[in-house]
């Protein structure tokens, strides 16, 4: 029956979660396409999973717990430093 799709047990092993919503979140974060059945269980085609995949890393390993403020404010800092250094040599 599960020749083309992963069985619910295989999806549970790969994602590391029992709840369907958490399984779906893991699959989305890893870019694995899936659809759901009438009971909201994810259905994943075997061709969408690399052979030999035993378990996906948890989402928290990729997502930082705090924002990267250097990435957010980095442009503003560089811009202000550039302008302040170029105007520092000008005397009125």
N, C-alpha and C. Protein backbone atom coordinates (compact mmCIF):
# COMPACT_ATOMS: atom_id res chain seq x y z
N UNK A 1 0.82 -1.20 0.00
CA UNK A 1 0.00 0.00 0.00
C UNK A 1 0.86 1.26 0.00
N UNK A 2 2.01 1.22 0.64
CA UNK A 2 2.88 2.40 0.73
C UNK A 2 4.09 2.26 -0.18
N UNK A 3 3.83 1.87 -1.42
CA UNK A 3 4.94 1.73 -2.37
C UNK A 3 5.40 3.09 -2.87
N UNK A 4 4.46 3.99 -3.14
CA UNK A 4 4.80 5.31 -3.67
C UNK A 4 4.94 6.36 -2.59
N UNK A 5 4.32 6.14 -1.44
CA UNK A 5 4.35 7.12 -0.36
C UNK A 5 5.00 6.52 0.87
N UNK A 6 5.44 7.40 1.76
CA UNK A 6 5.98 6.94 3.03
C UNK A 6 4.84 6.55 3.96
N UNK A 7 5.06 5.54 4.75
CA UNK A 7 4.05 5.13 5.72
C UNK A 7 4.04 6.13 6.88
N UNK A 8 2.97 6.19 7.64
CA UNK A 8 2.94 7.10 8.80
C UNK A 8 4.08 6.83 9.78
N UNK A 9 4.48 5.60 9.93
CA UNK A 9 5.60 5.28 10.82
C UNK A 9 6.91 5.82 10.27
N UNK A 10 7.10 5.75 8.96
CA UNK A 10 8.32 6.29 8.35
C UNK A 10 8.37 7.81 8.49
N UNK A 11 7.25 8.46 8.31
CA UNK A 11 7.21 9.92 8.47
C UNK A 11 7.52 10.29 9.91
N UNK A 12 7.00 9.52 10.83
CA UNK A 12 7.29 9.77 12.24
C UNK A 12 8.77 9.58 12.54
N UNK A 13 9.40 8.56 11.97
CA UNK A 13 10.82 8.32 12.19
C UNK A 13 11.67 9.43 11.58
N UNK A 14 11.31 9.86 10.39
CA UNK A 14 12.11 10.88 9.70
C UNK A 14 12.00 12.23 10.39
N UNK A 15 10.77 12.63 10.76
CA UNK A 15 10.58 13.95 11.36
C UNK A 15 10.91 13.96 12.84
N UNK A 16 10.75 12.82 13.50
CA UNK A 16 11.01 12.76 14.93
C UNK A 16 9.83 13.21 15.78
N UNK A 17 8.68 13.40 15.16
CA UNK A 17 7.49 13.85 15.86
C UNK A 17 6.33 12.89 15.63
N UNK A 18 5.45 12.80 16.62
CA UNK A 18 4.25 11.98 16.51
C UNK A 18 3.06 12.80 16.01
N UNK A 19 2.99 14.07 16.41
CA UNK A 19 1.84 14.91 16.04
C UNK A 19 1.95 15.33 14.58
N UNK A 20 0.81 15.31 13.90
CA UNK A 20 0.79 15.62 12.48
C UNK A 20 1.21 17.06 12.19
N UNK A 21 0.79 17.98 13.05
CA UNK A 21 1.14 19.38 12.82
C UNK A 21 2.64 19.60 12.94
N UNK A 22 3.28 18.94 13.88
CA UNK A 22 4.73 19.07 14.02
C UNK A 22 5.45 18.39 12.86
N UNK A 23 4.92 17.28 12.39
CA UNK A 23 5.50 16.62 11.22
C UNK A 23 5.42 17.54 10.01
N UNK A 24 4.28 18.18 9.83
CA UNK A 24 4.11 19.09 8.70
C UNK A 24 5.07 20.27 8.79
N UNK A 25 5.26 20.79 9.99
CA UNK A 25 6.18 21.92 10.17
C UNK A 25 7.60 21.51 9.80
N UNK A 26 8.02 20.32 10.26
CA UNK A 26 9.36 19.82 9.93
C UNK A 26 9.52 19.67 8.42
N UNK A 27 8.53 19.09 7.78
CA UNK A 27 8.60 18.88 6.34
C UNK A 27 8.66 20.20 5.60
N UNK A 28 7.85 21.19 6.01
CA UNK A 28 7.87 22.51 5.38
C UNK A 28 9.23 23.18 5.54
N UNK A 29 9.78 23.13 6.73
CA UNK A 29 11.06 23.80 7.00
C UNK A 29 12.20 23.18 6.19
N UNK A 30 12.09 21.92 5.87
CA UNK A 30 13.13 21.26 5.09
C UNK A 30 12.82 21.25 3.60
N UNK A 31 11.72 21.87 3.21
CA UNK A 31 11.39 22.00 1.80
C UNK A 31 10.91 20.70 1.16
N UNK A 32 10.35 19.81 1.94
CA UNK A 32 9.87 18.54 1.42
C UNK A 32 8.38 18.69 1.10
N UNK A 33 8.01 18.55 -0.18
CA UNK A 33 6.60 18.71 -0.52
C UNK A 33 5.75 17.56 0.01
N UNK A 34 4.54 17.89 0.41
CA UNK A 34 3.62 16.89 0.92
C UNK A 34 2.20 17.40 0.73
N UNK A 35 1.26 16.49 0.90
CA UNK A 35 -0.15 16.84 0.91
C UNK A 35 -0.75 16.19 2.15
N UNK A 36 -1.98 16.51 2.46
CA UNK A 36 -2.59 15.92 3.65
C UNK A 36 -3.81 15.10 3.24
N UNK A 37 -4.13 14.13 4.07
CA UNK A 37 -5.33 13.33 3.84
C UNK A 37 -6.48 13.92 4.64
N UNK A 38 -7.58 13.22 4.70
CA UNK A 38 -8.76 13.72 5.38
C UNK A 38 -8.58 13.88 6.88
N UNK A 39 -7.61 13.19 7.45
CA UNK A 39 -7.36 13.29 8.89
C UNK A 39 -6.18 14.21 9.20
N UNK A 40 -5.75 14.99 8.22
CA UNK A 40 -4.65 15.96 8.36
C UNK A 40 -3.28 15.30 8.52
N UNK A 41 -3.16 14.05 8.13
CA UNK A 41 -1.86 13.38 8.17
C UNK A 41 -1.08 13.74 6.92
N UNK A 42 0.21 14.02 7.04
CA UNK A 42 1.00 14.34 5.84
C UNK A 42 1.23 13.10 4.98
N UNK A 43 1.16 13.29 3.67
CA UNK A 43 1.44 12.24 2.71
C UNK A 43 2.64 12.70 1.89
N UNK A 44 3.72 11.94 1.96
CA UNK A 44 4.98 12.31 1.30
C UNK A 44 5.31 11.24 0.28
N UNK A 45 5.60 11.67 -0.94
CA UNK A 45 6.03 10.72 -1.97
C UNK A 45 7.46 10.28 -1.68
N UNK A 46 7.76 9.03 -1.94
CA UNK A 46 9.10 8.50 -1.70
C UNK A 46 10.15 9.21 -2.54
N UNK A 47 9.78 9.64 -3.73
CA UNK A 47 10.77 10.29 -4.62
C UNK A 47 11.22 11.65 -4.08
N UNK A 48 10.46 12.22 -3.12
CA UNK A 48 10.82 13.52 -2.55
C UNK A 48 11.79 13.42 -1.38
N UNK A 49 12.09 12.22 -0.95
CA UNK A 49 13.01 12.00 0.17
C UNK A 49 14.28 11.36 -0.39
N UNK A 50 15.42 11.88 0.01
CA UNK A 50 16.69 11.28 -0.42
C UNK A 50 16.83 9.89 0.18
N UNK A 51 17.37 9.00 -0.58
CA UNK A 51 17.58 7.64 -0.07
C UNK A 51 18.59 7.68 1.06
N UNK A 52 18.33 6.90 2.07
CA UNK A 52 19.24 6.85 3.21
C UNK A 52 18.93 7.88 4.27
N UNK A 53 17.90 8.68 4.08
CA UNK A 53 17.52 9.66 5.10
C UNK A 53 16.88 8.92 6.27
N UNK A 54 17.51 9.04 7.42
CA UNK A 54 16.97 8.36 8.59
C UNK A 54 16.20 9.33 9.49
N UNK A 55 16.75 10.53 9.69
CA UNK A 55 16.05 11.52 10.51
C UNK A 55 16.49 12.91 10.09
N UNK A 56 15.54 13.81 10.00
CA UNK A 56 15.84 15.21 9.66
C UNK A 56 16.28 15.94 10.92
N UNK A 57 17.22 16.88 10.79
CA UNK A 57 17.56 17.69 11.96
C UNK A 57 16.35 18.50 12.40
N UNK A 58 16.23 18.74 13.67
CA UNK A 58 15.11 19.50 14.20
C UNK A 58 15.16 20.93 13.69
N UNK A 59 14.02 21.56 13.62
CA UNK A 59 13.92 22.93 13.11
C UNK A 59 14.76 23.88 13.95
N UNK A 60 14.79 23.68 15.26
CA UNK A 60 15.51 24.57 16.14
C UNK A 60 17.01 24.62 15.85
N UNK A 61 17.55 23.62 15.17
CA UNK A 61 18.96 23.64 14.83
C UNK A 61 19.25 24.67 13.75
N UNK A 62 18.24 25.04 12.96
CA UNK A 62 18.42 26.00 11.88
C UNK A 62 17.96 27.40 12.25
N UNK A 63 17.06 27.50 13.18
CA UNK A 63 16.47 28.78 13.53
C UNK A 63 17.10 29.30 14.82
N UNK A 64 17.61 30.51 14.76
CA UNK A 64 18.20 31.12 15.95
C UNK A 64 17.09 31.54 16.91
N UNK A 65 17.40 31.49 18.18
CA UNK A 65 16.40 31.87 19.17
C UNK A 65 16.24 33.39 19.26
N UNK A 66 17.27 34.14 18.87
CA UNK A 66 17.20 35.59 18.88
C UNK A 66 17.55 36.11 17.49
N UNK A 67 17.03 37.26 17.12
CA UNK A 67 17.33 37.80 15.79
C UNK A 67 18.79 38.22 15.68
N UNK A 68 19.29 38.20 14.46
CA UNK A 68 20.65 38.63 14.18
C UNK A 68 20.61 40.14 13.91
N UNK A 69 20.89 40.93 14.94
CA UNK A 69 20.79 42.38 14.82
C UNK A 69 21.84 42.95 13.87
N UNK A 70 22.98 42.28 13.74
CA UNK A 70 23.98 42.75 12.78
C UNK A 70 23.44 42.67 11.36
N UNK A 71 22.67 41.64 11.07
CA UNK A 71 22.08 41.51 9.75
C UNK A 71 20.99 42.56 9.54
N UNK A 72 20.28 42.89 10.61
CA UNK A 72 19.20 43.86 10.49
C UNK A 72 19.75 45.28 10.39
N UNK A 73 20.66 45.63 11.30
CA UNK A 73 21.17 47.00 11.36
C UNK A 73 22.53 47.17 10.71
N UNK A 74 23.05 46.11 10.12
CA UNK A 74 24.39 46.16 9.53
C UNK A 74 24.53 47.23 8.47
N UNK A 75 23.57 47.36 7.58
CA UNK A 75 23.64 48.36 6.51
C UNK A 75 23.64 49.77 7.07
N UNK A 76 22.84 50.02 8.06
CA UNK A 76 22.77 51.36 8.64
C UNK A 76 24.10 51.73 9.30
N UNK A 77 24.72 50.78 9.98
CA UNK A 77 26.01 51.06 10.62
C UNK A 77 27.06 51.37 9.57
N UNK A 78 27.15 50.54 8.56
CA UNK A 78 28.17 50.75 7.53
C UNK A 78 27.93 52.06 6.81
N UNK A 79 26.67 52.37 6.57
CA UNK A 79 26.36 53.60 5.87
C UNK A 79 26.75 54.81 6.70
N UNK A 80 26.42 54.81 7.98
CA UNK A 80 26.72 55.95 8.82
C UNK A 80 28.24 56.09 9.02
N UNK A 81 28.95 54.99 9.14
CA UNK A 81 30.40 55.05 9.27
C UNK A 81 31.03 55.62 8.00
N UNK A 82 30.47 55.24 6.87
CA UNK A 82 31.02 55.71 5.61
C UNK A 82 30.81 57.22 5.49
N UNK A 83 29.62 57.67 5.82
CA UNK A 83 29.35 59.09 5.72
C UNK A 83 30.10 59.89 6.77
N UNK A 84 30.25 59.34 7.98
CA UNK A 84 30.93 60.09 9.01
C UNK A 84 32.42 60.19 8.70
N UNK A 85 33.03 59.19 8.10
CA UNK A 85 34.45 59.25 7.79
C UNK A 85 34.69 60.18 6.60
N UNK A 86 33.75 60.24 5.65
CA UNK A 86 33.95 61.11 4.50
C UNK A 86 33.74 62.57 4.86
N UNK A 87 32.90 62.84 5.84
CA UNK A 87 32.66 64.23 6.23
C UNK A 87 33.61 64.69 7.33
N UNK A 88 34.38 63.75 7.93
CA UNK A 88 35.27 64.12 9.01
C UNK A 88 36.42 65.00 8.51
N UNK A 89 36.86 64.81 7.28
CA UNK A 89 37.99 65.58 6.76
C UNK A 89 37.60 66.96 6.25
N UNK A 90 36.33 67.22 6.13
CA UNK A 90 35.87 68.51 5.61
C UNK A 90 35.75 69.49 6.76
N UNK A 91 36.42 70.65 6.61
CA UNK A 91 36.33 71.68 7.64
C UNK A 91 35.56 72.87 7.07
N UNK A 92 34.77 73.46 7.89
CA UNK A 92 33.99 74.62 7.43
C UNK A 92 34.63 75.90 7.82
